[in-house]
Amino acid sequence: MKYSPDPSTPITLTSVVRQSVTPESVHYEWRVEVVDQGIGIAAEYLPMIFERFYTRSSALQVGSGLGLAICKEIIERHGGVIGVQSAPDQGSAFFFTLPLVT
């Protein structure tokens, strides 16, 4: 909502458990995705947004540059992956996956 031009625009949250089967094992993972219709992120900035203290803050959008870096560290310490797909003026889709132990 912070980066949305209209706070009433819906944000979509999807949570699914996925299974992959190989001859050696069965693997389960939990995938969570959050999709917004906000300002989006230009392709040249995407590789940097998970780095500590990286921010594109302006007078209208203020941040410390720590939130996504902290998320990345937590997810990776649990064996997961975090990522984003985004484009300016088209919103963003942030996701993470975590392995499930069965």
C-alpha atoms as a PDB file:
ATOM      1  CA  MET A   1       0.000   0.000   0.000  1.00  0.00           C
ATOM      2  CA  LYS A   2       2.940   2.310   0.708  1.00  0.00           C
ATOM      3  CA  TYR A   3       3.841   2.555  -2.989  1.00  0.00           C
ATOM      4  CA  SER A   4       0.350   2.363  -4.444  1.00  0.00           C
ATOM      5  CA  PRO A   5      -1.064   5.502  -6.066  1.00  0.00           C
ATOM      6  CA  ASP A   6      -4.490   4.490  -4.723  1.00  0.00           C
ATOM      7  CA  PRO A   7      -4.578   2.818  -1.262  1.00  0.00           C
ATOM      8  CA  SER A   8      -7.887   1.126  -2.115  1.00  0.00           C
ATOM      9  CA  THR A   9      -6.277  -0.836  -4.973  1.00  0.00           C
ATOM     10  CA  PRO A  10      -6.278  -4.521  -4.006  1.00  0.00           C
ATOM     11  CA  ILE A  11      -3.123  -6.407  -3.122  1.00  0.00           C
ATOM     12  CA  THR A  12      -3.219 -10.124  -3.928  1.00  0.00           C
ATOM     13  CA  LEU A  13      -1.696 -12.737  -1.623  1.00  0.00           C
ATOM     14  CA  THR A  14      -1.278 -16.297  -2.863  1.00  0.00           C
ATOM     15  CA  SER A  15      -0.021 -19.194  -0.760  1.00  0.00           C
ATOM     16  CA  VAL A  16       0.406 -22.712  -2.165  1.00  0.00           C
ATOM     17  CA  VAL A  17       2.263 -25.904  -1.334  1.00  0.00           C
ATOM     18  CA  ARG A  18       3.993 -27.389  -4.371  1.00  0.00           C
ATOM     19  CA  GLN A  19       5.325 -30.898  -4.843  1.00  0.00           C
ATOM     20  CA  SER A  20       8.082 -32.101  -7.144  1.00  0.00           C
ATOM     21  CA  VAL A  21       8.857 -35.758  -7.630  1.00  0.00           C
ATOM     22  CA  THR A  22      12.131 -37.243  -8.850  1.00  0.00           C
ATOM     23  CA  PRO A  23      13.163 -40.901  -8.904  1.00  0.00           C
ATOM     24  CA  GLU A  24      15.232 -40.210  -5.778  1.00  0.00           C
ATOM     25  CA  SER A  25      12.806 -38.198  -3.664  1.00  0.00           C
ATOM     26  CA  VAL A  26       9.649 -36.196  -3.213  1.00  0.00           C
ATOM     27  CA  HIS A  27      10.160 -32.505  -2.411  1.00  0.00           C
ATOM     28  CA  TYR A  28       7.585 -30.095  -1.036  1.00  0.00           C
ATOM     29  CA  GLU A  29       7.872 -26.333  -0.871  1.00  0.00           C
ATOM     30  CA  TRP A  30       5.670 -23.501   0.280  1.00  0.00           C
ATOM     31  CA  ARG A  31       5.380 -20.546  -2.113  1.00  0.00           C
ATOM     32  CA  VAL A  32       3.954 -17.192  -1.068  1.00  0.00           C
ATOM     33  CA  GLU A  33       3.430 -14.358  -3.534  1.00  0.00           C
ATOM     34  CA  VAL A  34       2.264 -10.790  -2.963  1.00  0.00           C
ATOM     35  CA  VAL A  35       1.186  -8.804  -6.034  1.00  0.00           C
ATOM     36  CA  ASP A  36       0.473  -5.080  -6.016  1.00  0.00           C
ATOM     37  CA  GLN A  37      -0.489  -2.494  -8.606  1.00  0.00           C
ATOM     38  CA  GLY A  38       1.920   0.141  -7.280  1.00  0.00           C
ATOM     39  CA  ILE A  39       4.623   2.224  -8.927  1.00  0.00           C
ATOM     40  CA  GLY A  40       6.759  -0.761  -9.898  1.00  0.00           C
ATOM     41  CA  ILE A  41      10.537  -1.027 -10.092  1.00  0.00           C
ATOM     42  CA  ALA A  42      12.712  -0.459 -13.150  1.00  0.00           C
ATOM     43  CA  ALA A  43      14.743  -3.458 -14.332  1.00  0.00           C
ATOM     44  CA  GLU A  44      18.090  -1.795 -13.596  1.00  0.00           C
ATOM     45  CA  TYR A  45      17.225  -1.516  -9.880  1.00  0.00           C
ATOM     46  CA  LEU A  46      15.886  -5.045  -9.364  1.00  0.00           C
ATOM     47  CA  PRO A  47      19.300  -6.671  -8.678  1.00  0.00           C
ATOM     48  CA  MET A  48      19.921  -4.201  -5.833  1.00  0.00           C
ATOM     49  CA  ILE A  49      16.634  -4.112  -3.930  1.00  0.00           C
ATOM     50  CA  PHE A  50      17.551  -7.002  -1.606  1.00  0.00           C
ATOM     51  CA  GLU A  51      20.859  -5.376  -0.576  1.00  0.00           C
ATOM     52  CA  ARG A  52      21.156  -3.733   2.840  1.00  0.00           C
ATOM     53  CA  PHE A  53      20.584   0.024   2.887  1.00  0.00           C
ATOM     54  CA  TYR A  54      19.693   0.179  -0.812  1.00  0.00           C
ATOM     55  CA  THR A  55      16.787   2.539  -1.267  1.00  0.00           C
ATOM     56  CA  ARG A  56      15.275   4.725  -3.934  1.00  0.00           C
ATOM     57  CA  SER A  57      13.620   6.897  -1.286  1.00  0.00           C
ATOM     58  CA  SER A  58      12.200  10.251  -2.232  1.00  0.00           C
ATOM     59  CA  ALA A  59      10.041  12.837  -0.521  1.00  0.00           C
ATOM     60  CA  LEU A  60       6.979  10.663  -1.192  1.00  0.00           C
ATOM     61  CA  GLN A  61       8.517   7.245  -0.509  1.00  0.00           C
ATOM     62  CA  VAL A  62      10.779   6.878   2.488  1.00  0.00           C
ATOM     63  CA  GLY A  63      12.549   3.720   3.600  1.00  0.00           C
ATOM     64  CA  SER A  64      15.685   2.541   5.371  1.00  0.00           C
ATOM     65  CA  GLY A  65      16.622  -0.074   2.782  1.00  0.00           C
ATOM     66  CA  LEU A  66      16.579  -2.835   5.400  1.00  0.00           C
ATOM     67  CA  GLY A  67      13.167  -4.510   5.042  1.00  0.00           C
ATOM     68  CA  LEU A  68      13.806  -6.603   1.935  1.00  0.00           C
ATOM     69  CA  ALA A  69      17.393  -7.354   3.011  1.00  0.00           C
ATOM     70  CA  ILE A  70      16.111  -8.748   6.316  1.00  0.00           C
ATOM     71  CA  CYS A  71      13.444 -10.794   4.513  1.00  0.00           C
ATOM     72  CA  LYS A  72      16.084 -12.225   2.173  1.00  0.00           C
ATOM     73  CA  GLU A  73      18.365 -13.236   5.024  1.00  0.00           C
ATOM     74  CA  ILE A  74      15.569 -14.960   6.949  1.00  0.00           C
ATOM     75  CA  ILE A  75      14.287 -16.821   3.875  1.00  0.00           C
ATOM     76  CA  GLU A  76      17.761 -17.952   2.784  1.00  0.00           C
ATOM     77  CA  ARG A  77      18.706 -19.105   6.300  1.00  0.00           C
ATOM     78  CA  HIS A  78      15.681 -21.401   6.126  1.00  0.00           C
ATOM     79  CA  GLY A  79      16.785 -22.816   2.762  1.00  0.00           C
ATOM     80  CA  GLY A  80      14.407 -20.746   0.681  1.00  0.00           C
ATOM     81  CA  VAL A  81      14.508 -18.331  -2.206  1.00  0.00           C
ATOM     82  CA  ILE A  82      13.082 -14.805  -2.512  1.00  0.00           C
ATOM     83  CA  GLY A  83      12.518 -12.811  -5.677  1.00  0.00           C
ATOM     84  CA  VAL A  84      10.545 -10.150  -7.488  1.00  0.00           C
ATOM     85  CA  GLN A  85       9.107  -9.402 -10.904  1.00  0.00           C
ATOM     86  CA  SER A  86       8.308  -5.775 -11.573  1.00  0.00           C
ATOM     87  CA  ALA A  87       8.054  -3.017 -14.145  1.00  0.00           C
ATOM     88  CA  PRO A  88       7.494   0.728 -13.767  1.00  0.00           C
ATOM     89  CA  ASP A  89       3.818   1.703 -13.546  1.00  0.00           C
ATOM     90  CA  GLN A  90       2.772  -1.986 -13.656  1.00  0.00           C
ATOM     91  CA  GLY A  91       3.230  -3.012 -10.042  1.00  0.00           C
ATOM     92  CA  SER A  92       5.345  -5.724  -8.466  1.00  0.00           C
ATOM     93  CA  ALA A  93       5.089  -9.404  -7.610  1.00  0.00           C
ATOM     94  CA  PHE A  94       7.273 -10.405  -4.645  1.00  0.00           C
ATOM     95  CA  PHE A  95       7.555 -14.092  -3.812  1.00  0.00           C
ATOM     96  CA  PHE A  96       9.400 -16.523  -1.614  1.00  0.00           C
ATOM     97  CA  THR A  97       9.618 -20.288  -1.368  1.00  0.00           C
ATOM     98  CA  LEU A  98      10.553 -22.373   1.651  1.00  0.00           C
ATOM     99  CA  PRO A  99      11.265 -26.099   1.676  1.00  0.00           C
ATOM    100  CA  LEU A 100       8.839 -28.192   3.719  1.00  0.00           C
ATOM    101  CA  VAL A 101      10.129 -31.114   5.717  1.00  0.00           C
ATOM    102  CA  THR A 102       7.827 -34.125   5.690  1.00  0.00           C
END
